[in-house]
Amino acid sequence: MEKGMLSWLINNHIQSETKLDQVFGPLIYLAQKNDDIKVESANTAFEDLFDWHDYNWQHGMYVEHIVPTGGRKRFLNALTKAGEKPWNQIMLDTELKKKDGTVLYCKAHIFCIDKNAEEIKYLVRLDYDLETQIKDALFTEALCQSKVNCWYWDMNQGTATFFNTDVPEKPLQNAEFMNDSYVFIKDFPQGFIHSMDFVGQYRDGFMDFVKKLLSRKTEGEVYEEVAFKGGEQELIWVSFTAQTVRNADGIPEYAMGTWRNITDQKVNEQQQQHNNYLVGNLIRDSVYDITVNVDKNFFVADNSLEKWMEETRIFAAYYDQAIREIANERVVKEDRQRFLDFFSLETIRNLPEDENVSIEYRRKYKGRENWFKVTINTFSFDEFTDKWMYALVYDIDSVKKREIMLEQMAATDALTGLYNRKHSLDMMAEYIQKYPEMPNAVVYMDLDNFKSVNDTLGHAAGDSLLIRVAKSMRKYFGKDAVLGRIGGDEFILMCYNANHEYVDQMMKDFVNFVGSQCKEECPTVNVTVSLGYVLYPDYGRDVAELADLADKALYKAKRHGKNMALAYNKDLDE
């Protein structure tokens, strides 16, 4: 619809909806005041197609009634572009919800028909291909009924659909969950890759998988396993298989395959590898078996004891003396007291017999720190004989460091190295429990206009900016704060010992400092910082509740002009 044609309709006062239906098909009329966007009316073609013919349009309808969550951001962005000037037109492939919640795929032609200081009005014309919709619906139903975890990638449309999914909703941030049977993802693969919280190098692995499917040289089925964080689980493992279908010219058009949640399988494999390592390498190559007469306080001499003493450089005659020397000269300071308590004669004598207990500790070994594990068992031949201790010493350095790495990966954000939201809240709660009377500040922060960085400079520049912000947070607070990234451009932190007399100025300075770092990183895009914070213990002692209050303050800061720090108070609830 061009300006001249629409103007002609308005000037000639054509009000017959029948005629409008025949000429233009489904139409909806939108009005925007500030951030509120309402559907004010629609023609009969729209009402009939989407089953809204009984709706009372005088009460208005919000956009979320008709636009699914997954496509809402793109739809609102299109409205923003159209609203830049009157008679501007934007075309968009989008999904719209019927009254019963089912989705229809349409091409939307968005027109800004009026704009003033208080309100922007839009006319949206919809193109709907019934034949294509029927084919897609039948195809979707067939795959859902198959009960097979399969997926379909339309390379021309840039969309992917996962059927019979059991992957948790949280990791699929750009996904629209249609029902219990399938998930629809737009902007595939770029949006999918950037929204998933991949672990380690698995993002690159998935990119290689996609490139193989797009290649003309790839033949047959392609397989890939990836790991990412999701929900309360530490790691989610998913395997993908797919085969590319090409047109007559050999150009890839779509890919189809299967996927499986293989988390349980991977956990079992890793546990088996761990067990094999312990049973094989550790016992064969690095174990010492040491026998001690607990009551008489001496070692039983054998080749294993001699090897252990030679490597530890401990030649004490008595057990308790040897343990003290090992602790002082070989065990790292942080583990020393725990080591002494575990191996004390008093502890050993009070242990129940025939029951294994163990300790893991760090020992100075061959010029570096190594993790060791000692498992002990106490026994006596009868009630009249001495008590004995049998100990196995293992070198578990590689296994332990791998466990620590996986724990760190599960607790941190892969891009910035900051804690994730769950671990941040856990650390905050732990600190409050340890220092209940210490004043603190819980802070929510995000970047203003960050989307423009991704849109104009690319996702690589956006990632670089987020890394720079994380470094700025570490530089500003040092070790005096818990620092976390929630996701996207949102961050959470807690400042230790935040004296209420200067916390306001500290937050303002922090906003200015991070903002200056953003300007250095992306000088062509005006990125600023907004944050909200709440004081502990003034507004409660529950960390999750404090985080919600800080988030509420952040929302008010964004609404009041951005580029500021705003403290929570009870007036914000009004």
Protein backbone atom coordinates (compact mmCIF):
# COMPACT_ATOMS: atom_id res chain seq x y z
CA MET A 1 0.00 0.00 0.00
CA GLU A 2 1.57 3.27 -1.04
CA LYS A 3 1.06 6.67 0.55
CA GLY A 4 -1.04 7.92 -2.34
CA MET A 5 -3.42 4.98 -2.25
CA LEU A 6 -3.87 5.14 1.52
CA SER A 7 -4.36 8.89 1.36
CA TRP A 8 -7.01 8.41 -1.33
CA LEU A 9 -8.87 5.95 0.88
CA ILE A 10 -8.80 8.30 3.85
CA ASN A 11 -9.79 11.36 1.83
CA ASN A 12 -12.68 9.54 0.21
CA HIS A 13 -13.92 8.18 3.57
CA ILE A 14 -14.10 4.56 2.45
CA GLN A 15 -15.37 2.87 5.60
CA SER A 16 -16.70 -0.35 4.16
CA GLU A 17 -14.74 -3.14 5.78
CA THR A 18 -15.91 -5.52 3.08
CA LYS A 19 -14.19 -3.42 0.46
CA LEU A 20 -11.05 -3.10 2.58
CA ASP A 21 -11.02 -6.87 3.10
CA GLN A 22 -11.28 -7.48 -0.62
CA VAL A 23 -8.54 -5.02 -1.52
CA PHE A 24 -6.03 -5.38 1.31
CA GLY A 25 -6.82 -8.56 3.27
CA PRO A 26 -6.20 -8.62 7.05
CA LEU A 27 -5.50 -5.19 8.61
CA ILE A 28 -4.74 -4.11 12.18
CA TYR A 29 -4.37 -0.62 13.60
CA LEU A 30 -1.80 0.04 16.37
CA ALA A 31 -1.26 3.03 18.66
CA GLN A 32 1.93 3.63 20.66
CA LYS A 33 2.18 5.91 23.70
CA ASN A 34 5.63 5.78 25.31
CA ASP A 35 6.34 2.03 25.71
CA ASP A 36 2.68 0.95 25.56
CA ILE A 37 1.60 -0.46 22.20
CA LYS A 38 -2.06 -1.38 21.74
CA VAL A 39 -4.09 -2.90 18.94
CA GLU A 40 -6.93 -0.43 18.68
CA SER A 41 -8.94 -2.08 15.91
CA ALA A 42 -8.86 -4.60 13.09
CA ASN A 43 -10.89 -5.31 9.98
CA THR A 44 -13.15 -8.33 9.55
CA ALA A 45 -10.58 -10.21 7.47
CA PHE A 46 -8.18 -10.18 10.44
CA GLU A 47 -10.93 -11.05 12.91
CA ASP A 48 -12.07 -14.03 10.85
CA LEU A 49 -8.57 -15.35 10.15
CA PHE A 50 -7.36 -15.10 13.75
CA ASP A 51 -10.72 -15.82 15.49
CA TRP A 52 -10.88 -12.41 17.18
CA HIS A 53 -14.30 -11.51 15.71
CA ASP A 54 -15.97 -11.48 19.15
CA TYR A 55 -13.41 -9.16 20.72
CA ASN A 56 -14.43 -5.73 22.01
CA TRP A 57 -11.82 -3.51 20.36
CA GLN A 58 -12.90 -0.44 22.32
CA HIS A 59 -11.02 -1.80 25.32
CA GLY A 60 -7.84 -2.14 23.25
CA MET A 61 -5.44 -5.09 23.06
CA TYR A 62 -1.72 -5.25 23.87
CA VAL A 63 0.76 -6.51 21.28
CA GLU A 64 1.66 -9.57 23.40
CA HIS A 65 -1.89 -10.89 22.81
CA ILE A 66 -1.12 -11.50 19.13
CA VAL A 67 2.70 -11.66 18.82
CA PRO A 68 4.45 -14.74 20.33
CA THR A 69 7.32 -14.20 22.76
CA GLY A 70 10.02 -15.45 20.40
CA GLY A 71 9.15 -13.00 17.62
CA ARG A 72 8.08 -10.05 19.77
CA LYS A 73 11.47 -8.32 19.83
CA ARG A 74 11.77 -8.40 16.03
CA PHE A 75 8.21 -7.12 15.65
CA LEU A 76 8.80 -4.21 18.05
CA ASN A 77 12.07 -3.35 16.32
CA ALA A 78 10.22 -3.21 13.01
CA LEU A 79 7.64 -0.85 14.55
CA THR A 80 10.45 1.37 15.82
CA LYS A 81 11.99 1.60 12.34
CA ALA A 82 8.63 2.28 10.72
CA GLY A 83 7.88 4.98 13.31
CA GLU A 84 11.00 6.98 12.47
CA LYS A 85 8.92 9.09 10.10
CA PRO A 86 5.34 9.22 8.77
CA TRP A 87 4.50 6.99 5.78
CA ASN A 88 7.55 4.85 6.40
CA GLN A 89 7.06 1.19 5.43
CA ILE A 90 8.80 -1.87 6.90
CA MET A 91 8.24 -5.46 5.73
CA LEU A 92 8.69 -8.34 8.13
CA ASP A 93 8.20 -12.12 8.14
CA THR A 94 6.55 -12.77 11.48
CA GLU A 95 4.36 -15.08 13.53
CA LEU A 96 1.00 -14.03 14.92
CA LYS A 97 -1.15 -15.85 17.45
CA LYS A 98 -4.73 -16.86 16.93
CA LYS A 99 -7.18 -16.57 19.81
CA ASP A 100 -6.54 -20.22 20.80
CA GLY A 101 -2.77 -19.68 20.91
CA THR A 102 -1.83 -21.41 17.65
CA VAL A 103 0.56 -19.57 15.35
CA LEU A 104 0.21 -18.41 11.75
CA TYR A 105 3.16 -17.23 9.67
CA CYS A 106 2.60 -14.03 7.74
CA LYS A 107 4.41 -11.27 5.91
CA ALA A 108 3.62 -7.98 7.65
CA HIS A 109 3.69 -4.60 5.84
CA ILE A 110 4.02 -1.99 8.62
CA PHE A 111 3.14 1.68 7.89
CA CYS A 112 3.49 4.68 10.14
CA ILE A 113 0.32 6.64 9.30
CA ASP A 114 0.53 9.35 11.98
CA LYS A 115 3.16 10.62 14.38
CA ASN A 116 3.17 13.40 16.94
CA ALA A 117 4.80 14.13 20.27
CA GLU A 118 2.32 12.03 22.24
CA GLU A 119 1.41 9.12 19.97
CA ILE A 120 2.45 7.08 16.92
CA LYS A 121 -0.15 5.22 14.87
CA TYR A 122 0.54 2.26 12.62
CA LEU A 123 -1.35 0.32 9.99
CA VAL A 124 -0.26 -3.30 9.52
CA ARG A 125 -1.29 -5.25 6.42
CA LEU A 126 -0.81 -9.03 6.46
CA ASP A 127 -0.12 -11.44 3.60
CA TYR A 128 -1.15 -14.99 4.38
CA ASP A 129 -0.54 -18.03 2.15
CA LEU A 130 -3.11 -20.64 3.15
CA GLU A 131 -1.63 -23.43 1.01
CA THR A 132 1.83 -23.03 2.55
CA GLN A 133 0.36 -22.94 6.05
CA ILE A 134 -1.52 -26.18 5.49
CA LYS A 135 1.62 -27.94 4.20
CA ASP A 136 3.68 -26.68 7.19
CA ALA A 137 0.98 -27.73 9.63
CA LEU A 138 0.77 -31.25 8.18
CA PHE A 139 4.56 -31.57 8.18
CA THR A 140 4.78 -30.39 11.80
CA GLU A 141 2.03 -32.74 12.95
CA ALA A 142 3.70 -35.72 11.24
CA LEU A 143 7.03 -35.04 12.99
CA CYS A 144 5.34 -34.51 16.38
CA GLN A 145 3.45 -37.78 16.02
CA SER A 146 6.65 -39.63 15.18
CA LYS A 147 7.83 -39.31 18.83
CA VAL A 148 11.39 -39.02 17.51
CA ASN A 149 13.69 -36.20 18.60
CA CYS A 150 14.23 -34.70 15.17
CA TRP A 151 15.00 -31.24 13.87
CA TYR A 152 14.58 -29.36 10.61
CA TRP A 153 16.60 -26.37 9.37
CA ASP A 154 15.16 -24.27 6.56
CA MET A 155 18.29 -22.56 5.21
CA ASN A 156 16.37 -20.16 2.97
CA GLN A 157 14.15 -18.89 5.81
CA GLY A 158 16.85 -19.07 8.48
CA THR A 159 14.59 -20.99 10.87
CA ALA A 160 14.92 -24.25 12.76
CA THR A 161 12.34 -26.44 14.47
CA PHE A 162 13.11 -29.02 17.16
CA PHE A 163 10.45 -31.71 17.64
CA ASN A 164 9.62 -33.69 20.79
CA THR A 165 12.09 -31.61 22.76
CA ASP A 166 13.15 -32.38 26.32
CA VAL A 167 15.85 -29.71 26.46
CA PRO A 168 15.06 -27.23 29.30
CA GLU A 169 13.51 -23.96 28.19
CA LYS A 170 16.05 -21.68 29.89
CA PRO A 171 19.03 -22.36 27.57
CA LEU A 172 16.90 -21.75 24.46
CA GLN A 173 16.66 -18.00 24.94
CA ASN A 174 15.65 -17.20 21.35
CA ALA A 175 13.19 -20.08 21.08
CA GLU A 176 9.43 -19.96 20.90
CA PHE A 177 7.97 -22.98 22.74
CA MET A 178 4.85 -23.70 20.65
CA ASN A 179 3.67 -26.58 22.83
CA ASP A 180 5.04 -29.66 24.55
CA SER A 181 6.00 -31.19 21.20
CA TYR A 182 8.16 -28.71 19.34
CA VAL A 183 10.23 -25.53 19.55
CA PHE A 184 10.58 -22.94 16.76
CA ILE A 185 13.80 -20.90 16.55
CA LYS A 186 14.28 -17.86 14.32
CA ASP A 187 17.57 -16.48 13.03
CA PHE A 188 19.19 -19.88 12.89
CA PRO A 189 22.08 -20.54 13.30
CA GLN A 190 23.44 -17.10 14.34
CA GLY A 191 20.79 -16.30 16.93
CA PHE A 192 20.90 -19.82 18.29
CA ILE A 193 24.69 -19.80 18.65
CA HIS A 194 24.83 -16.41 20.36
CA SER A 195 21.97 -17.18 22.77
CA MET A 196 23.22 -20.57 23.96
CA ASP A 197 25.54 -20.65 26.95
CA PHE A 198 28.05 -23.01 25.39
CA VAL A 199 30.77 -24.52 27.57
CA GLY A 200 34.41 -24.11 26.57
CA GLN A 201 35.09 -24.62 22.84
CA TYR A 202 31.78 -26.29 22.05
CA ARG A 203 30.46 -23.13 20.36
CA ASP A 204 33.24 -23.48 17.78
CA GLY A 205 32.39 -27.17 17.44
CA PHE A 206 28.78 -26.37 16.65
CA MET A 207 29.88 -23.72 14.13
CA ASP A 208 32.00 -26.36 12.36
CA PHE A 209 28.94 -28.64 12.35
CA VAL A 210 26.87 -25.89 10.66
CA LYS A 211 29.62 -25.16 8.12
CA LYS A 212 29.74 -28.83 7.13
CA LEU A 213 25.98 -28.83 6.51
CA LEU A 214 26.31 -25.71 4.33
CA SER A 215 29.22 -27.10 2.34
CA ARG A 216 28.70 -28.57 -1.13
CA LYS A 217 31.52 -31.03 -0.45
CA THR A 218 29.97 -32.71 2.62
CA GLU A 219 28.37 -36.05 1.91
CA GLY A 220 26.25 -38.23 4.17
CA GLU A 221 25.36 -37.70 7.81
CA VAL A 222 27.15 -35.16 10.02
CA TYR A 223 27.47 -35.73 13.80
CA GLU A 224 28.37 -33.36 16.65
CA GLU A 225 28.22 -33.34 20.45
CA VAL A 226 27.99 -30.05 22.38
CA ALA A 227 27.76 -29.03 26.03
CA PHE A 228 26.09 -25.97 27.48
CA LYS A 229 24.76 -24.70 30.79
CA GLY A 230 21.09 -24.85 31.54
CA GLY A 231 18.79 -24.29 34.52
CA GLU A 232 19.98 -25.83 37.77
CA GLN A 233 21.97 -28.47 35.94
CA GLU A 234 25.69 -28.04 35.79
CA LEU A 235 25.97 -29.19 32.17
CA ILE A 236 23.61 -30.29 29.41
CA TRP A 237 25.01 -32.50 26.65
CA VAL A 238 23.22 -32.72 23.30
CA SER A 239 24.16 -34.72 20.22
CA PHE A 240 23.15 -33.56 16.73
CA THR A 241 22.96 -35.55 13.50
CA ALA A 242 21.87 -34.06 10.18
CA GLN A 243 22.02 -34.56 6.45
CA THR A 244 21.87 -31.76 3.90
CA VAL A 245 19.31 -31.75 1.07
CA ARG A 246 20.37 -29.78 -2.03
CA ASN A 247 18.54 -28.48 -5.10
CA ALA A 248 19.33 -29.43 -8.70
CA ASP A 249 22.25 -26.96 -8.74
CA GLY A 250 23.80 -28.52 -5.66
CA ILE A 251 22.95 -25.56 -3.40
CA PRO A 252 21.98 -26.59 0.18
CA GLU A 253 18.33 -25.78 0.90
CA TYR A 254 17.56 -27.54 4.17
CA ALA A 255 18.90 -30.07 6.63
CA MET A 256 17.10 -32.71 8.62
CA GLY A 257 18.32 -34.96 11.37
CA THR A 258 17.94 -36.10 14.94
CA TRP A 259 19.11 -34.79 18.27
CA ARG A 260 19.37 -36.35 21.72
CA ASN A 261 19.89 -35.16 25.26
CA ILE A 262 22.90 -37.33 26.16
CA THR A 263 23.67 -35.77 29.55
CA ASP A 264 23.15 -38.99 31.52
CA GLN A 265 25.26 -40.93 29.03
CA LYS A 266 28.15 -38.43 29.22
CA VAL A 267 28.03 -38.33 33.01
CA ASN A 268 28.21 -42.14 33.12
CA GLU A 269 31.09 -42.15 30.61
CA GLN A 270 33.03 -39.57 32.61
CA GLN A 271 32.41 -41.46 35.84
CA GLN A 272 33.61 -44.67 34.20
CA GLN A 273 36.71 -42.91 32.88
CA HIS A 274 37.33 -41.57 36.36
CA ASN A 275 36.95 -45.04 37.87
CA ASN A 276 39.17 -46.59 35.22
CA TYR A 277 41.79 -43.97 35.93
CA LEU A 278 41.68 -44.66 39.65
CA VAL A 279 41.73 -48.44 39.27
CA GLY A 280 44.32 -48.44 36.49
CA ASN A 281 46.78 -45.58 36.39
CA LEU A 282 46.64 -44.47 40.00
CA ILE A 283 47.03 -47.88 41.60
CA ARG A 284 49.54 -49.08 39.04
CA ASP A 285 51.80 -46.06 38.82
CA SER A 286 51.40 -43.74 41.81
CA VAL A 287 50.10 -45.52 44.86
CA TYR A 288 51.88 -46.11 48.15
CA ASP A 289 50.43 -48.48 50.69
CA ILE A 290 51.47 -47.65 54.24
CA THR A 291 50.72 -49.59 57.41
CA VAL A 292 50.87 -47.97 60.85
CA ASN A 293 50.58 -49.40 64.34
CA VAL A 294 48.41 -46.69 65.85
CA ASP A 295 48.81 -47.75 69.48
CA LYS A 296 52.61 -48.11 69.21
CA ASN A 297 52.96 -45.01 66.93
CA PHE A 298 55.29 -46.59 64.32
CA PHE A 299 55.34 -47.59 60.62
CA VAL A 300 55.66 -51.10 59.27
CA ALA A 301 58.76 -51.02 57.10
CA ASP A 302 58.53 -52.29 53.52
CA ASN A 303 59.50 -51.21 50.00
CA SER A 304 56.42 -49.01 49.59
CA LEU A 305 57.19 -47.12 52.81
CA GLU A 306 60.79 -46.60 51.73
CA LYS A 307 59.64 -45.22 48.34
CA TRP A 308 57.15 -42.88 50.03
CA MET A 309 59.76 -41.59 52.52
CA GLU A 310 62.32 -41.08 49.79
CA GLU A 311 59.96 -38.96 47.70
CA THR A 312 58.64 -36.95 50.67
CA ARG A 313 62.14 -36.61 52.16
CA ILE A 314 60.67 -37.51 55.55
CA PHE A 315 62.62 -40.00 57.66
CA ALA A 316 61.05 -39.51 61.09
CA ALA A 317 61.05 -42.54 63.36
CA TYR A 318 57.53 -42.10 64.71
CA TYR A 319 54.21 -41.70 62.89
CA ASP A 320 53.02 -38.50 64.59
CA GLN A 321 56.42 -36.86 64.07
CA ALA A 322 56.41 -37.79 60.35
CA ILE A 323 52.90 -36.38 59.90
CA ARG A 324 53.91 -33.04 61.45
CA GLU A 325 57.01 -32.81 59.25
CA ILE A 326 55.03 -33.61 56.10
CA ALA A 327 52.42 -31.00 57.01
CA ASN A 328 54.99 -28.27 57.71
CA GLU A 329 57.34 -28.96 54.79
CA ARG A 330 55.24 -30.54 52.05
CA VAL A 331 51.54 -29.65 52.47
CA VAL A 332 50.38 -26.24 51.18
CA LYS A 333 49.49 -23.75 53.89
CA GLU A 334 45.74 -23.62 53.14
CA ASP A 335 45.36 -27.41 53.60
CA ARG A 336 47.85 -27.84 56.47
CA GLN A 337 45.59 -27.73 59.54
CA ARG A 338 42.96 -29.92 57.90
CA PHE A 339 45.72 -32.44 57.08
CA LEU A 340 46.99 -32.46 60.69
CA ASP A 341 43.49 -32.89 62.12
CA PHE A 342 42.74 -35.79 59.79
CA PHE A 343 45.96 -37.71 60.53
CA SER A 344 46.24 -37.02 64.25
CA LEU A 345 46.58 -40.08 66.45
CA GLU A 346 43.47 -39.05 68.38
CA THR A 347 41.40 -38.93 65.17
CA ILE A 348 42.74 -42.27 63.91
CA ARG A 349 42.15 -44.02 67.25
CA ASN A 350 38.51 -42.88 67.32
CA LEU A 351 37.69 -44.01 63.80
CA PRO A 352 35.27 -46.96 63.48
CA GLU A 353 37.05 -50.08 62.27
CA ASP A 354 36.67 -51.46 58.75
CA GLU A 355 35.29 -48.13 57.49
CA ASN A 356 37.10 -46.18 54.75
CA VAL A 357 37.66 -42.44 55.17
CA SER A 358 39.66 -40.20 52.87
CA ILE A 359 41.14 -36.73 52.47
CA GLU A 360 42.23 -34.73 49.44
CA TYR A 361 44.99 -32.17 49.86
CA ARG A 362 47.67 -30.27 47.96
CA ARG A 363 51.29 -31.26 48.42
CA LYS A 364 54.50 -29.73 47.10
CA TYR A 365 55.70 -32.36 44.68
CA LYS A 366 58.56 -32.20 42.17
CA GLY A 367 58.70 -28.42 42.27
CA ARG A 368 54.97 -27.76 41.96
CA GLU A 369 51.69 -28.23 43.83
CA ASN A 370 49.96 -31.57 43.24
CA TRP A 371 46.68 -32.93 44.48
CA PHE A 372 46.90 -36.15 46.50
CA LYS A 373 44.24 -38.37 48.00
CA VAL A 374 44.72 -40.65 51.00
CA THR A 375 42.21 -43.35 51.90
CA ILE A 376 42.62 -45.00 55.31
CA ASN A 377 41.09 -47.98 57.05
CA THR A 378 41.58 -49.02 60.68
CA PHE A 379 41.44 -52.55 62.01
CA SER A 380 42.56 -54.85 64.81
CA PHE A 381 42.90 -58.60 64.89
CA ASP A 382 40.95 -58.93 68.12
CA GLU A 383 40.01 -56.91 71.16
CA PHE A 384 43.31 -57.65 72.85
CA THR A 385 45.65 -56.57 70.05
CA ASP A 386 46.82 -53.15 68.86
CA LYS A 387 44.85 -50.96 66.46
CA TRP A 388 46.31 -50.63 62.98
CA MET A 389 45.86 -48.19 60.11
CA TYR A 390 46.22 -49.06 56.44
CA ALA A 391 46.60 -46.10 54.06
CA LEU A 392 46.61 -45.79 50.26
CA VAL A 393 48.17 -42.62 48.81
CA TYR A 394 47.10 -41.59 45.30
CA ASP A 395 48.32 -38.92 42.94
CA ILE A 396 44.98 -37.45 41.72
CA ASP A 397 46.36 -34.19 40.33
CA SER A 398 45.03 -34.44 36.76
CA VAL A 399 41.64 -35.79 37.86
CA LYS A 400 41.21 -33.16 40.58
CA LYS A 401 42.23 -30.26 38.37
CA ARG A 402 39.75 -31.44 35.73
CA GLU A 403 37.00 -31.54 38.37
CA ILE A 404 37.91 -28.02 39.49
CA MET A 405 37.87 -26.83 35.88
CA LEU A 406 34.39 -28.30 35.33
CA GLU A 407 33.14 -26.72 38.57
CA GLN A 408 34.52 -23.36 37.47
CA MET A 409 32.91 -23.77 34.05
CA ALA A 410 29.56 -24.53 35.67
CA ALA A 411 29.86 -21.55 38.02
CA THR A 412 31.13 -18.93 35.58
CA ASP A 413 30.09 -17.18 32.40
CA ALA A 414 32.10 -18.58 29.48
CA LEU A 415 32.53 -15.21 27.73
CA THR A 416 33.50 -12.88 30.60
CA GLY A 417 34.76 -15.24 33.28
CA LEU A 418 32.42 -13.65 35.84
CA TYR A 419 30.17 -15.81 37.99
CA ASN A 420 26.79 -16.81 36.53
CA ARG A 421 23.58 -15.69 38.24
CA LYS A 422 23.06 -18.82 40.37
CA HIS A 423 26.62 -18.93 41.65
CA SER A 424 26.63 -15.16 42.26
CA LEU A 425 23.55 -15.46 44.49
CA ASP A 426 25.08 -18.46 46.28
CA MET A 427 28.30 -16.51 46.96
CA MET A 428 26.30 -13.51 48.20
CA ALA A 429 24.23 -15.67 50.53
CA GLU A 430 27.39 -17.35 51.85
CA TYR A 431 29.02 -13.98 52.56
CA ILE A 432 25.93 -12.64 54.37
CA GLN A 433 25.72 -15.77 56.47
CA LYS A 434 29.40 -15.41 57.42
CA TYR A 435 29.22 -11.63 58.07
CA PRO A 436 25.56 -10.94 58.93
CA GLU A 437 26.18 -7.44 60.32
CA MET A 438 28.37 -6.17 57.49
CA PRO A 439 26.64 -3.50 55.32
CA ASN A 440 26.54 -4.38 51.63
CA ALA A 441 24.97 -3.25 48.37
CA VAL A 442 23.32 -5.64 45.90
CA VAL A 443 23.44 -4.21 42.37
CA TYR A 444 21.75 -4.91 39.03
CA MET A 445 23.39 -3.30 36.01
CA ASP A 446 22.96 -3.34 32.25
CA LEU A 447 24.26 -1.48 29.24
CA ASP A 448 22.15 1.16 27.50
CA ASN A 449 21.97 0.88 23.70
CA PHE A 450 23.96 -2.38 23.65
CA LYS A 451 21.80 -3.78 20.84
CA SER A 452 23.12 -1.07 18.52
CA VAL A 453 26.64 -2.46 18.99
CA ASN A 454 25.58 -5.89 17.74
CA ASP A 455 23.45 -4.41 14.94
CA THR A 456 26.05 -1.96 13.61
CA LEU A 457 29.42 -3.47 14.57
CA GLY A 458 28.57 -7.18 14.79
CA HIS A 459 28.38 -9.76 17.57
CA ALA A 460 32.18 -10.02 17.85
CA ALA A 461 32.31 -6.34 18.81
CA GLY A 462 29.46 -6.90 21.27
CA ASP A 463 31.34 -9.79 22.88
CA SER A 464 34.51 -7.68 23.08
CA LEU A 465 32.56 -4.90 24.81
CA LEU A 466 31.11 -7.32 27.39
CA ILE A 467 34.63 -8.61 28.13
CA ARG A 468 35.84 -5.01 28.57
CA VAL A 469 32.96 -4.27 30.98
CA ALA A 470 33.83 -7.38 33.03
CA LYS A 471 37.47 -6.24 33.26
CA SER A 472 36.28 -2.78 34.31
CA MET A 473 34.19 -4.28 37.12
CA ARG A 474 37.19 -6.25 38.39
CA LYS A 475 39.44 -3.18 38.17
CA TYR A 476 36.98 -0.95 40.02
CA PHE A 477 36.06 -3.30 42.88
CA GLY A 478 39.06 -5.64 43.03
CA LYS A 479 38.32 -8.42 45.53
CA ASP A 480 35.76 -6.35 47.43
CA ALA A 481 32.72 -7.64 45.53
CA VAL A 482 30.95 -10.64 44.05
CA LEU A 483 30.79 -10.04 40.29
CA GLY A 484 28.41 -11.89 37.99
CA ARG A 485 26.85 -11.82 34.54
CA ILE A 486 23.18 -12.76 34.30
CA GLY A 487 23.14 -12.98 30.52
CA GLY A 488 23.16 -10.67 27.51
CA ASP A 489 24.22 -7.22 28.72
CA GLU A 490 22.91 -7.68 32.29
CA PHE A 491 25.18 -7.99 35.35
CA ILE A 492 24.72 -8.58 39.07
CA LEU A 493 27.15 -7.79 41.90
CA MET A 494 27.40 -7.29 45.63
CA CYS A 495 29.80 -4.75 47.13
CA TYR A 496 31.35 -5.80 50.42
CA ASN A 497 31.35 -3.38 53.33
CA ALA A 498 29.41 -0.76 51.36
CA ASN A 499 29.38 2.08 53.88
CA HIS A 500 26.04 3.87 53.48
CA GLU A 501 27.70 7.25 53.85
CA TYR A 502 29.56 6.99 50.55
CA VAL A 503 27.80 4.20 48.62
CA ASP A 504 25.73 6.69 46.52
CA GLN A 505 28.86 8.44 45.28
CA MET A 506 30.61 5.12 44.74
CA MET A 507 27.77 3.90 42.49
CA LYS A 508 27.74 7.14 40.50
CA ASP A 509 31.51 6.94 40.02
CA PHE A 510 31.18 3.30 38.99
CA VAL A 511 28.59 4.20 36.32
CA ASN A 512 30.88 6.90 34.94
CA PHE A 513 33.93 4.61 35.02
CA VAL A 514 32.28 1.74 33.15
CA GLY A 515 30.67 4.20 30.75
CA SER A 516 34.10 5.64 29.89
CA GLN A 517 35.40 2.12 29.23
CA CYS A 518 32.44 1.47 26.88
CA LYS A 519 33.19 4.69 25.01
CA GLU A 520 36.83 3.68 24.53
CA GLU A 521 35.83 0.22 23.30
CA CYS A 522 33.02 1.39 20.94
CA PRO A 523 33.55 5.10 20.20
CA THR A 524 31.02 5.15 17.33
CA VAL A 525 28.08 3.86 19.43
CA ASN A 526 26.73 5.74 22.43
CA VAL A 527 26.74 2.97 25.06
CA THR A 528 26.08 4.05 28.65
CA VAL A 529 25.43 2.24 31.92
CA SER A 530 22.35 2.09 34.13
CA LEU A 531 22.18 0.38 37.50
CA GLY A 532 19.89 -0.10 40.45
CA TYR A 533 21.06 -1.05 43.91
CA VAL A 534 19.60 -1.92 47.28
CA LEU A 535 21.27 -1.66 50.69
CA TYR A 536 21.71 -4.58 53.05
CA PRO A 537 20.46 -5.03 55.76
CA ASP A 538 18.13 -2.03 55.38
CA TYR A 539 15.70 -3.86 53.07
CA GLY A 540 16.02 -7.46 54.18
CA ARG A 541 18.43 -10.33 54.48
CA ASP A 542 17.23 -12.68 51.71
CA VAL A 543 19.59 -12.42 48.75
CA ALA A 544 17.03 -13.39 46.09
CA GLU A 545 14.62 -10.75 47.41
CA LEU A 546 17.37 -8.11 47.51
CA ALA A 547 18.27 -8.96 43.91
CA ASP A 548 14.64 -8.43 42.86
CA LEU A 549 14.59 -5.03 44.58
CA ALA A 550 17.83 -4.02 42.85
CA ASP A 551 16.30 -5.11 39.53
CA LYS A 552 13.27 -2.94 40.28
CA ALA A 553 15.55 0.05 40.91
CA LEU A 554 17.36 -0.65 37.63
CA TYR A 555 14.02 -0.64 35.78
CA LYS A 556 13.21 2.78 37.27
CA ALA A 557 16.66 4.09 36.31
CA LYS A 558 16.08 2.97 32.69
CA ARG A 559 12.66 4.64 32.67
CA HIS A 560 14.05 7.90 34.12
CA GLY A 561 16.62 8.61 31.45
CA LYS A 562 19.26 5.87 31.72
CA ASN A 563 23.00 6.49 32.33
CA MET A 564 22.48 6.69 36.08
CA ALA A 565 22.63 4.83 39.39
CA LEU A 566 19.39 4.65 41.38
CA ALA A 567 19.01 3.34 44.92
CA TYR A 568 15.96 1.32 45.87
CA ASN A 569 13.56 2.78 48.37
CA LYS A 570 9.96 2.00 49.21
CA ASP A 571 8.74 4.95 47.12
CA LEU A 572 9.66 2.94 44.00
CA ASP A 573 6.90 0.44 44.86
CA GLU A 574 4.23 3.10 44.34
